[in-house]
């Protein structure tokens, strides 16, 4: 591995044992380390190694110069340029976290609020602006446990969910928007109106039609956190779409009526059992070939 690649991997804290040994044998190893130590004075949640290396390069390239009287000044300039470059770049850059099909992940936000991100979903937030602007952008589904403080907004393409400190679930898929409050008070803004939800209440926006459910009993958290997707009077097409989010497959439903309402659940950990949980109550059948499923009437 050449010198440039070693330095980039060091900046990314991604050297293995053999690469670390090679890095330590570089002629200007100690100089690079001193530059790295200087960087610690700048707070940055993330760092782009390519940009970091480009900032380091002017200093590193002078290592072989015989006229060294100006070298300390170049080092100081490089350190300052690198530090401010990192601070500006990472401070203005949003953090984006994505999950793949069948993948769940837990995220801790800058104020210790927690987010459980469901499969095939993403959230975006800005660390530098967080203290004055607690705001995340969501595409998909997530469960939030929000630390008390200033207003906390979850922004989706269908609506905005605002709280001060509470627990709630937001689901935003294509033509489907649902918010469920589990603790505290949630304000949901959509289509120019605001609906407030207390614990046990939810609101759905399905194909542009709002449905508010009040005084329903819910578990203490959404069931998908425990590996099960649950539905109550939801069009079958959205149930099928959610099934595709948890299993790496494509489902052909052209032969059935996907506007039928489904109430029930399916496991996110066993495909055969999940398919039976959906098809049997609706008197449907299915055939499977590789990663493709065809649904049909019995």
C-alpha atoms as a PDB file:
ATOM      1  CA  UNK A   1       0.000   0.000   0.000  1.00  0.00           C
ATOM      2  CA  UNK A   2       1.431   3.386  -0.967  1.00  0.00           C
ATOM      3  CA  UNK A   3       2.035   6.339   1.361  1.00  0.00           C
ATOM      4  CA  UNK A   4      -1.073   8.298   0.316  1.00  0.00           C
ATOM      5  CA  UNK A   5      -3.400   5.365   0.940  1.00  0.00           C
ATOM      6  CA  UNK A   6      -1.841   4.736   4.361  1.00  0.00           C
ATOM      7  CA  UNK A   7      -2.366   8.362   5.403  1.00  0.00           C
ATOM      8  CA  UNK A   8      -5.979   8.330   4.193  1.00  0.00           C
ATOM      9  CA  UNK A   9      -6.719   5.135   6.106  1.00  0.00           C
ATOM     10  CA  UNK A  10      -5.051   6.596   9.210  1.00  0.00           C
ATOM     11  CA  UNK A  11      -7.269   9.689   8.942  1.00  0.00           C
ATOM     12  CA  UNK A  12     -10.259   7.350   8.788  1.00  0.00           C
ATOM     13  CA  UNK A  13      -8.955   5.341  11.784  1.00  0.00           C
ATOM     14  CA  UNK A  14      -9.124   2.247   9.601  1.00  0.00           C
ATOM     15  CA  UNK A  15      -5.594   0.772   9.616  1.00  0.00           C
ATOM     16  CA  UNK A  16      -5.193  -2.930  10.324  1.00  0.00           C
ATOM     17  CA  UNK A  17      -2.183  -4.214  12.276  1.00  0.00           C
ATOM     18  CA  UNK A  18       0.022  -4.673   9.206  1.00  0.00           C
ATOM     19  CA  UNK A  19      -0.919  -1.293   7.753  1.00  0.00           C
ATOM     20  CA  UNK A  20      -0.327   0.408  11.117  1.00  0.00           C
ATOM     21  CA  UNK A  21       3.195  -0.997  11.177  1.00  0.00           C
ATOM     22  CA  UNK A  22       3.846   0.282   7.654  1.00  0.00           C
ATOM     23  CA  UNK A  23       2.387   3.672   8.587  1.00  0.00           C
ATOM     24  CA  UNK A  24       4.716   3.970  11.596  1.00  0.00           C
ATOM     25  CA  UNK A  25       7.708   3.312   9.318  1.00  0.00           C
ATOM     26  CA  UNK A  26       6.978   6.367   7.148  1.00  0.00           C
ATOM     27  CA  UNK A  27       9.857   8.844   7.249  1.00  0.00           C
ATOM     28  CA  UNK A  28       7.558  11.659   8.413  1.00  0.00           C
ATOM     29  CA  UNK A  29       5.420   9.555  10.747  1.00  0.00           C
ATOM     30  CA  UNK A  30       6.002  11.788  13.796  1.00  0.00           C
ATOM     31  CA  UNK A  31       5.168  14.925  11.806  1.00  0.00           C
ATOM     32  CA  UNK A  32       1.875  13.408  10.620  1.00  0.00           C
ATOM     33  CA  UNK A  33       0.967  12.415  14.184  1.00  0.00           C
ATOM     34  CA  UNK A  34       1.616  15.962  15.433  1.00  0.00           C
ATOM     35  CA  UNK A  35      -0.718  17.305  12.772  1.00  0.00           C
ATOM     36  CA  UNK A  36      -3.315  14.775  13.820  1.00  0.00           C
ATOM     37  CA  UNK A  37      -3.024  15.805  17.473  1.00  0.00           C
ATOM     38  CA  UNK A  38      -3.616  19.422  16.498  1.00  0.00           C
ATOM     39  CA  UNK A  39      -6.861  18.398  14.838  1.00  0.00           C
ATOM     40  CA  UNK A  40      -8.336  17.310  18.174  1.00  0.00           C
ATOM     41  CA  UNK A  41      -8.969  20.963  19.093  1.00  0.00           C
ATOM     42  CA  UNK A  42     -11.676  21.097  16.455  1.00  0.00           C
ATOM     43  CA  UNK A  43     -14.964  19.389  17.242  1.00  0.00           C
ATOM     44  CA  UNK A  44     -16.298  17.447  14.284  1.00  0.00           C
ATOM     45  CA  UNK A  45     -18.750  14.514  14.339  1.00  0.00           C
ATOM     46  CA  UNK A  46     -17.563  13.117  11.011  1.00  0.00           C
ATOM     47  CA  UNK A  47     -14.515  13.475   8.786  1.00  0.00           C
ATOM     48  CA  UNK A  48     -14.023  13.009   5.062  1.00  0.00           C
ATOM     49  CA  UNK A  49     -10.629  11.331   4.597  1.00  0.00           C
ATOM     50  CA  UNK A  50     -10.149  12.511   1.024  1.00  0.00           C
ATOM     51  CA  UNK A  51     -10.688  16.153   2.024  1.00  0.00           C
ATOM     52  CA  UNK A  52      -8.480  15.666   5.092  1.00  0.00           C
ATOM     53  CA  UNK A  53      -5.654  14.240   3.021  1.00  0.00           C
ATOM     54  CA  UNK A  54      -5.901  17.032   0.468  1.00  0.00           C
ATOM     55  CA  UNK A  55      -5.569  19.521   3.327  1.00  0.00           C
ATOM     56  CA  UNK A  56      -2.545  17.654   4.731  1.00  0.00           C
ATOM     57  CA  UNK A  57      -0.816  17.226   1.365  1.00  0.00           C
ATOM     58  CA  UNK A  58       0.764  20.716   1.089  1.00  0.00           C
ATOM     59  CA  UNK A  59       2.634  20.149   4.352  1.00  0.00           C
ATOM     60  CA  UNK A  60       3.517  16.519   3.680  1.00  0.00           C
ATOM     61  CA  UNK A  61       4.901  17.303   0.235  1.00  0.00           C
ATOM     62  CA  UNK A  62       7.491  19.650   1.764  1.00  0.00           C
ATOM     63  CA  UNK A  63       9.114  16.854   3.774  1.00  0.00           C
ATOM     64  CA  UNK A  64      12.021  16.510   1.362  1.00  0.00           C
ATOM     65  CA  UNK A  65      12.806  20.222   1.014  1.00  0.00           C
ATOM     66  CA  UNK A  66      16.359  21.265   1.817  1.00  0.00           C
ATOM     67  CA  UNK A  67      15.328  24.862   2.570  1.00  0.00           C
ATOM     68  CA  UNK A  68      13.529  24.270   5.851  1.00  0.00           C
ATOM     69  CA  UNK A  69      13.585  27.723   7.472  1.00  0.00           C
ATOM     70  CA  UNK A  70       9.929  28.345   6.464  1.00  0.00           C
ATOM     71  CA  UNK A  71       8.774  24.790   7.183  1.00  0.00           C
ATOM     72  CA  UNK A  72       7.375  25.535  10.698  1.00  0.00           C
ATOM     73  CA  UNK A  73       5.203  28.287   9.234  1.00  0.00           C
ATOM     74  CA  UNK A  74       3.917  25.933   6.571  1.00  0.00           C
ATOM     75  CA  UNK A  75       3.127  23.366   9.237  1.00  0.00           C
ATOM     76  CA  UNK A  76       1.159  25.881  11.289  1.00  0.00           C
ATOM     77  CA  UNK A  77      -0.707  27.082   8.213  1.00  0.00           C
ATOM     78  CA  UNK A  78      -1.516  23.517   7.215  1.00  0.00           C
ATOM     79  CA  UNK A  79      -2.769  22.657  10.686  1.00  0.00           C
ATOM     80  CA  UNK A  80      -5.021  25.725  10.775  1.00  0.00           C
ATOM     81  CA  UNK A  81      -6.260  25.116   7.250  1.00  0.00           C
ATOM     82  CA  UNK A  82      -6.956  21.491   8.046  1.00  0.00           C
ATOM     83  CA  UNK A  83      -8.687  22.276  11.311  1.00  0.00           C
ATOM     84  CA  UNK A  84     -10.949  24.963   9.902  1.00  0.00           C
ATOM     85  CA  UNK A  85     -11.625  22.876   6.822  1.00  0.00           C
ATOM     86  CA  UNK A  86     -12.737  19.972   8.986  1.00  0.00           C
ATOM     87  CA  UNK A  87     -14.813  22.199  11.244  1.00  0.00           C
ATOM     88  CA  UNK A  88     -16.548  23.949   8.357  1.00  0.00           C
ATOM     89  CA  UNK A  89     -17.078  20.817   6.303  1.00  0.00           C
ATOM     90  CA  UNK A  90     -18.378  18.575   9.073  1.00  0.00           C
ATOM     91  CA  UNK A  91     -20.303  21.341  10.806  1.00  0.00           C
ATOM     92  CA  UNK A  92     -22.345  22.129   7.738  1.00  0.00           C
ATOM     93  CA  UNK A  93     -22.702  18.541   6.563  1.00  0.00           C
ATOM     94  CA  UNK A  94     -25.834  16.628   7.463  1.00  0.00           C
ATOM     95  CA  UNK A  95     -25.621  13.191   9.015  1.00  0.00           C
ATOM     96  CA  UNK A  96     -27.586  10.664   6.984  1.00  0.00           C
ATOM     97  CA  UNK A  97     -28.308   7.147   8.239  1.00  0.00           C
ATOM     98  CA  UNK A  98     -29.954   4.489   6.086  1.00  0.00           C
ATOM     99  CA  UNK A  99     -31.172   0.955   6.676  1.00  0.00           C
ATOM    100  CA  UNK A 100     -31.426  -1.755   4.059  1.00  0.00           C
ATOM    101  CA  UNK A 101     -34.179  -4.312   3.579  1.00  0.00           C
ATOM    102  CA  UNK A 102     -34.584  -6.422   6.742  1.00  0.00           C
ATOM    103  CA  UNK A 103     -32.179  -4.160   8.668  1.00  0.00           C
ATOM    104  CA  UNK A 104     -33.000  -2.237  11.859  1.00  0.00           C
ATOM    105  CA  UNK A 105     -30.671   0.160  13.636  1.00  0.00           C
ATOM    106  CA  UNK A 106     -30.542   2.352  16.754  1.00  0.00           C
ATOM    107  CA  UNK A 107     -29.336   5.968  16.558  1.00  0.00           C
ATOM    108  CA  UNK A 108     -28.467   8.305  19.430  1.00  0.00           C
ATOM    109  CA  UNK A 109     -29.062  11.945  18.553  1.00  0.00           C
ATOM    110  CA  UNK A 110     -26.850  14.781  19.910  1.00  0.00           C
ATOM    111  CA  UNK A 111     -29.181  15.424  22.888  1.00  0.00           C
ATOM    112  CA  UNK A 112     -29.317  11.690  23.789  1.00  0.00           C
ATOM    113  CA  UNK A 113     -32.726  11.270  22.181  1.00  0.00           C
ATOM    114  CA  UNK A 114     -32.991   7.774  20.708  1.00  0.00           C
ATOM    115  CA  UNK A 115     -34.281   6.643  17.330  1.00  0.00           C
ATOM    116  CA  UNK A 116     -35.094   3.080  16.319  1.00  0.00           C
ATOM    117  CA  UNK A 117     -35.009   3.048  12.522  1.00  0.00           C
ATOM    118  CA  UNK A 118     -37.080   0.396  10.755  1.00  0.00           C
ATOM    119  CA  UNK A 119     -36.075  -1.473   7.609  1.00  0.00           C
ATOM    120  CA  UNK A 120     -35.599   0.370   4.306  1.00  0.00           C
ATOM    121  CA  UNK A 121     -35.699   3.788   5.988  1.00  0.00           C
ATOM    122  CA  UNK A 122     -33.479   6.837   6.436  1.00  0.00           C
ATOM    123  CA  UNK A 123     -33.092   9.864   8.705  1.00  0.00           C
ATOM    124  CA  UNK A 124     -31.049  13.027   8.277  1.00  0.00           C
ATOM    125  CA  UNK A 125     -29.986  15.583  10.921  1.00  0.00           C
ATOM    126  CA  UNK A 126     -27.318  18.225  11.522  1.00  0.00           C
ATOM    127  CA  UNK A 127     -25.089  17.962  14.605  1.00  0.00           C
ATOM    128  CA  UNK A 128     -23.818  21.544  14.530  1.00  0.00           C
ATOM    129  CA  UNK A 129     -27.288  23.089  14.389  1.00  0.00           C
ATOM    130  CA  UNK A 130     -28.867  20.627  16.803  1.00  0.00           C
ATOM    131  CA  UNK A 131     -28.751  22.708  19.990  1.00  0.00           C
ATOM    132  CA  UNK A 132     -30.930  25.402  18.434  1.00  0.00           C
ATOM    133  CA  UNK A 133     -32.794  23.276  15.924  1.00  0.00           C
ATOM    134  CA  UNK A 134     -33.807  19.762  16.957  1.00  0.00           C
ATOM    135  CA  UNK A 135     -34.939  18.555  13.559  1.00  0.00           C
ATOM    136  CA  UNK A 136     -34.728  15.264  11.679  1.00  0.00           C
ATOM    137  CA  UNK A 137     -35.899  14.381   8.207  1.00  0.00           C
ATOM    138  CA  UNK A 138     -37.443  10.924   7.914  1.00  0.00           C
ATOM    139  CA  UNK A 139     -38.164   8.703   4.970  1.00  0.00           C
ATOM    140  CA  UNK A 140     -39.611   5.376   6.074  1.00  0.00           C
ATOM    141  CA  UNK A 141     -40.466   4.418   9.643  1.00  0.00           C
ATOM    142  CA  UNK A 142     -38.906   5.179  13.030  1.00  0.00           C
ATOM    143  CA  UNK A 143     -39.749   5.091  16.732  1.00  0.00           C
ATOM    144  CA  UNK A 144     -38.572   8.127  18.717  1.00  0.00           C
ATOM    145  CA  UNK A 145     -37.793   8.523  22.407  1.00  0.00           C
ATOM    146  CA  UNK A 146     -37.227  12.263  22.692  1.00  0.00           C
ATOM    147  CA  UNK A 147     -35.290  13.920  25.512  1.00  0.00           C
ATOM    148  CA  UNK A 148     -37.055  16.888  27.057  1.00  0.00           C
ATOM    149  CA  UNK A 149     -35.983  20.261  25.728  1.00  0.00           C
ATOM    150  CA  UNK A 150     -36.779  22.596  22.868  1.00  0.00           C
ATOM    151  CA  UNK A 151     -39.248  21.663  20.178  1.00  0.00           C
ATOM    152  CA  UNK A 152     -38.350  18.488  18.322  1.00  0.00           C
ATOM    153  CA  UNK A 153     -39.549  18.144  14.706  1.00  0.00           C
ATOM    154  CA  UNK A 154     -39.739  15.084  12.486  1.00  0.00           C
ATOM    155  CA  UNK A 155     -40.143  16.277   8.918  1.00  0.00           C
ATOM    156  CA  UNK A 156     -41.543  13.978   6.235  1.00  0.00           C
ATOM    157  CA  UNK A 157     -42.834  14.546   2.726  1.00  0.00           C
ATOM    158  CA  UNK A 158     -46.412  14.119   4.025  1.00  0.00           C
ATOM    159  CA  UNK A 159     -46.347  16.088   7.274  1.00  0.00           C
ATOM    160  CA  UNK A 160     -44.423  17.406  10.270  1.00  0.00           C
ATOM    161  CA  UNK A 161     -44.529  15.859  13.747  1.00  0.00           C
ATOM    162  CA  UNK A 162     -43.655  18.222  16.638  1.00  0.00           C
ATOM    163  CA  UNK A 163     -43.034  17.409  20.306  1.00  0.00           C
ATOM    164  CA  UNK A 164     -41.132  18.648  23.362  1.00  0.00           C
ATOM    165  CA  UNK A 165     -40.317  15.283  24.917  1.00  0.00           C
ATOM    166  CA  UNK A 166     -42.239  12.083  24.308  1.00  0.00           C
ATOM    167  CA  UNK A 167     -42.339   8.670  22.648  1.00  0.00           C
ATOM    168  CA  UNK A 168     -43.972   8.196  19.279  1.00  0.00           C
ATOM    169  CA  UNK A 169     -43.786   6.289  16.014  1.00  0.00           C
ATOM    170  CA  UNK A 170     -43.762   7.856  12.542  1.00  0.00           C
ATOM    171  CA  UNK A 171     -44.278   5.889   9.358  1.00  0.00           C
ATOM    172  CA  UNK A 172     -43.992   7.554   5.973  1.00  0.00           C
ATOM    173  CA  UNK A 173     -44.070   5.376   2.900  1.00  0.00           C
ATOM    174  CA  UNK A 174     -45.437   6.079  -0.583  1.00  0.00           C
ATOM    175  CA  UNK A 175     -49.010   7.452  -0.169  1.00  0.00           C
ATOM    176  CA  UNK A 176     -49.012   6.264   3.464  1.00  0.00           C
ATOM    177  CA  UNK A 177     -48.385   8.431   6.543  1.00  0.00           C
ATOM    178  CA  UNK A 178     -49.051   7.317  10.120  1.00  0.00           C
ATOM    179  CA  UNK A 179     -48.170   8.765  13.513  1.00  0.00           C
ATOM    180  CA  UNK A 180     -48.862   6.999  16.812  1.00  0.00           C
ATOM    181  CA  UNK A 181     -48.314   8.593  20.229  1.00  0.00           C
ATOM    182  CA  UNK A 182     -47.136   6.346  23.055  1.00  0.00           C
ATOM    183  CA  UNK A 183     -46.213   8.941  25.672  1.00  0.00           C
ATOM    184  CA  UNK A 184     -46.604  12.719  26.079  1.00  0.00           C
ATOM    185  CA  UNK A 185     -48.303  14.856  23.439  1.00  0.00           C
ATOM    186  CA  UNK A 186     -47.684  14.898  19.691  1.00  0.00           C
ATOM    187  CA  UNK A 187     -48.728  17.581  17.206  1.00  0.00           C
ATOM    188  CA  UNK A 188     -49.040  16.457  13.594  1.00  0.00           C
ATOM    189  CA  UNK A 189     -49.230  19.044  10.839  1.00  0.00           C
ATOM    190  CA  UNK A 190     -50.401  17.942   7.405  1.00  0.00           C
ATOM    191  CA  UNK A 191     -52.329  19.590   4.557  1.00  0.00           C
ATOM    192  CA  UNK A 192     -52.409  22.873   6.503  1.00  0.00           C
ATOM    193  CA  UNK A 193     -54.108  21.378   9.581  1.00  0.00           C
ATOM    194  CA  UNK A 194     -52.736  20.405  13.000  1.00  0.00           C
ATOM    195  CA  UNK A 195     -53.945  17.365  14.938  1.00  0.00           C
ATOM    196  CA  UNK A 196     -52.827  16.733  18.515  1.00  0.00           C
ATOM    197  CA  UNK A 197     -52.409  13.157  19.688  1.00  0.00           C
ATOM    198  CA  UNK A 198     -52.350  11.956  23.289  1.00  0.00           C
ATOM    199  CA  UNK A 199     -51.051   8.506  24.334  1.00  0.00           C
ATOM    200  CA  UNK A 200     -52.937   5.693  22.625  1.00  0.00           C
ATOM    201  CA  UNK A 201     -54.056   7.857  19.719  1.00  0.00           C
ATOM    202  CA  UNK A 202     -52.914   7.726  16.120  1.00  0.00           C
ATOM    203  CA  UNK A 203     -53.521   9.403  12.814  1.00  0.00           C
ATOM    204  CA  UNK A 204     -53.198   7.903   9.354  1.00  0.00           C
ATOM    205  CA  UNK A 205     -53.094   9.576   5.959  1.00  0.00           C
ATOM    206  CA  UNK A 206     -53.764   6.855   3.376  1.00  0.00           C
ATOM    207  CA  UNK A 207     -53.984   7.840  -0.278  1.00  0.00           C
ATOM    208  CA  UNK A 208     -54.603  11.413   0.891  1.00  0.00           C
ATOM    209  CA  UNK A 209     -57.495  10.492   3.218  1.00  0.00           C
ATOM    210  CA  UNK A 210     -56.972  11.263   6.942  1.00  0.00           C
ATOM    211  CA  UNK A 211     -58.119   8.738   9.558  1.00  0.00           C
ATOM    212  CA  UNK A 212     -57.858   9.619  13.245  1.00  0.00           C
ATOM    213  CA  UNK A 213     -58.080   6.799  15.790  1.00  0.00           C
ATOM    214  CA  UNK A 214     -58.715   7.818  19.393  1.00  0.00           C
ATOM    215  CA  UNK A 215     -58.704   6.037  22.729  1.00  0.00           C
ATOM    216  CA  UNK A 216     -57.364   2.823  21.273  1.00  0.00           C
ATOM    217  CA  UNK A 217     -55.187   0.582  23.402  1.00  0.00           C
ATOM    218  CA  UNK A 218     -51.656   0.197  22.093  1.00  0.00           C
ATOM    219  CA  UNK A 219     -48.612  -1.643  23.442  1.00  0.00           C
ATOM    220  CA  UNK A 220     -45.902   0.448  25.061  1.00  0.00           C
ATOM    221  CA  UNK A 221     -43.967   0.518  21.780  1.00  0.00           C
ATOM    222  CA  UNK A 222     -44.568  -0.463  18.143  1.00  0.00           C
ATOM    223  CA  UNK A 223     -44.527  -4.205  17.538  1.00  0.00           C
ATOM    224  CA  UNK A 224     -41.931  -3.992  14.743  1.00  0.00           C
ATOM    225  CA  UNK A 225     -39.294  -3.348  17.428  1.00  0.00           C
ATOM    226  CA  UNK A 226     -39.868  -6.960  18.509  1.00  0.00           C
ATOM    227  CA  UNK A 227     -39.871  -8.371  14.989  1.00  0.00           C
ATOM    228  CA  UNK A 228     -43.554  -8.204  14.107  1.00  0.00           C
ATOM    229  CA  UNK A 229     -45.426  -5.853  11.756  1.00  0.00           C
ATOM    230  CA  UNK A 230     -49.029  -5.152  12.809  1.00  0.00           C
ATOM    231  CA  UNK A 231     -51.942  -3.583  10.931  1.00  0.00           C
ATOM    232  CA  UNK A 232     -55.500  -2.567  11.636  1.00  0.00           C
ATOM    233  CA  UNK A 233     -57.845  -2.120   8.678  1.00  0.00           C
ATOM    234  CA  UNK A 234     -55.022  -1.234   6.284  1.00  0.00           C
ATOM    235  CA  UNK A 235     -55.291  -1.743   2.494  1.00  0.00           C
ATOM    236  CA  UNK A 236     -53.523  -4.933   1.511  1.00  0.00           C
ATOM    237  CA  UNK A 237     -51.178  -3.147  -0.906  1.00  0.00           C
ATOM    238  CA  UNK A 238     -49.467  -1.417   2.032  1.00  0.00           C
ATOM    239  CA  UNK A 239     -49.186  -4.685   3.937  1.00  0.00           C
ATOM    240  CA  UNK A 240     -47.505  -6.249   0.906  1.00  0.00           C
ATOM    241  CA  UNK A 241     -45.172  -3.262   0.593  1.00  0.00           C
ATOM    242  CA  UNK A 242     -44.153  -3.608   4.228  1.00  0.00           C
ATOM    243  CA  UNK A 243     -43.504  -7.321   3.708  1.00  0.00           C
ATOM    244  CA  UNK A 244     -41.075  -6.389   0.931  1.00  0.00           C
ATOM    245  CA  UNK A 245     -39.259  -4.056   3.343  1.00  0.00           C
ATOM    246  CA  UNK A 246     -38.428  -6.949   5.649  1.00  0.00           C
ATOM    247  CA  UNK A 247     -37.681  -9.674   3.118  1.00  0.00           C
ATOM    248  CA  UNK A 248     -35.495  -9.398   0.053  1.00  0.00           C
ATOM    249  CA  UNK A 249     -38.141 -10.330  -2.503  1.00  0.00           C
ATOM    250  CA  UNK A 250     -40.601  -8.945  -5.037  1.00  0.00           C
ATOM    251  CA  UNK A 251     -44.323  -9.690  -4.811  1.00  0.00           C
ATOM    252  CA  UNK A 252     -46.675  -9.904  -7.792  1.00  0.00           C
ATOM    253  CA  UNK A 253     -50.196  -9.009  -6.626  1.00  0.00           C
ATOM    254  CA  UNK A 254     -51.796  -8.216  -9.984  1.00  0.00           C
ATOM    255  CA  UNK A 255     -54.245 -11.127  -9.697  1.00  0.00           C
ATOM    256  CA  UNK A 256     -55.786 -10.021  -6.387  1.00  0.00           C
ATOM    257  CA  UNK A 257     -57.665  -7.040  -4.988  1.00  0.00           C
ATOM    258  CA  UNK A 258     -55.055  -5.096  -3.021  1.00  0.00           C
ATOM    259  CA  UNK A 259     -57.568  -2.509  -1.828  1.00  0.00           C
ATOM    260  CA  UNK A 260     -59.039  -5.055   0.621  1.00  0.00           C
ATOM    261  CA  UNK A 261     -58.505  -4.134   4.246  1.00  0.00           C
ATOM    262  CA  UNK A 262     -56.252  -6.279   6.373  1.00  0.00           C
ATOM    263  CA  UNK A 263     -56.167  -6.551  10.151  1.00  0.00           C
ATOM    264  CA  UNK A 264     -53.488  -8.742  11.626  1.00  0.00           C
ATOM    265  CA  UNK A 265     -49.717  -9.094  11.773  1.00  0.00           C
ATOM    266  CA  UNK A 266     -46.796 -10.977  10.300  1.00  0.00           C
ATOM    267  CA  UNK A 267     -43.391 -11.926  11.661  1.00  0.00           C
ATOM    268  CA  UNK A 268     -40.327 -10.204  10.246  1.00  0.00           C
ATOM    269  CA  UNK A 269     -38.147 -13.256  10.890  1.00  0.00           C
ATOM    270  CA  UNK A 270     -39.808 -16.149   9.027  1.00  0.00           C
ATOM    271  CA  UNK A 271     -40.976 -15.667   5.445  1.00  0.00           C
ATOM    272  CA  UNK A 272     -43.176 -18.756   5.166  1.00  0.00           C
ATOM    273  CA  UNK A 273     -44.984 -17.940   8.390  1.00  0.00           C
ATOM    274  CA  UNK A 274     -45.364 -14.288   7.323  1.00  0.00           C
ATOM    275  CA  UNK A 275     -46.919 -15.273   3.991  1.00  0.00           C
ATOM    276  CA  UNK A 276     -49.390 -17.609   5.676  1.00  0.00           C
ATOM    277  CA  UNK A 277     -50.324 -14.911   8.207  1.00  0.00           C
ATOM    278  CA  UNK A 278     -51.389 -12.653   5.332  1.00  0.00           C
ATOM    279  CA  UNK A 279     -52.863 -15.096   2.818  1.00  0.00           C
ATOM    280  CA  UNK A 280     -54.884 -17.458   5.020  1.00  0.00           C
ATOM    281  CA  UNK A 281     -57.167 -14.782   6.606  1.00  0.00           C
ATOM    282  CA  UNK A 282     -57.905 -13.362   3.138  1.00  0.00           C
ATOM    283  CA  UNK A 283     -58.392 -16.746   1.409  1.00  0.00           C
ATOM    284  CA  UNK A 284     -55.402 -16.186  -0.830  1.00  0.00           C
ATOM    285  CA  UNK A 285     -52.741 -18.537  -2.128  1.00  0.00           C
ATOM    286  CA  UNK A 286     -49.167 -17.957  -3.220  1.00  0.00           C
ATOM    287  CA  UNK A 287     -46.311 -19.545  -5.117  1.00  0.00           C
ATOM    288  CA  UNK A 288     -42.635 -18.831  -4.595  1.00  0.00           C
ATOM    289  CA  UNK A 289     -39.769 -19.001  -7.058  1.00  0.00           C
ATOM    290  CA  UNK A 290     -36.430 -17.759  -5.799  1.00  0.00           C
ATOM    291  CA  UNK A 291     -36.936 -14.207  -4.548  1.00  0.00           C
ATOM    292  CA  UNK A 292     -40.274 -13.774  -6.344  1.00  0.00           C
ATOM    293  CA  UNK A 293     -43.731 -14.342  -4.853  1.00  0.00           C
ATOM    294  CA  UNK A 294     -46.971 -14.502  -6.822  1.00  0.00           C
ATOM    295  CA  UNK A 295     -50.222 -13.953  -4.896  1.00  0.00           C
ATOM    296  CA  UNK A 296     -53.481 -15.321  -6.263  1.00  0.00           C
ATOM    297  CA  UNK A 297     -57.000 -16.182  -5.172  1.00  0.00           C
ATOM    298  CA  UNK A 298     -57.670 -19.713  -3.955  1.00  0.00           C
END
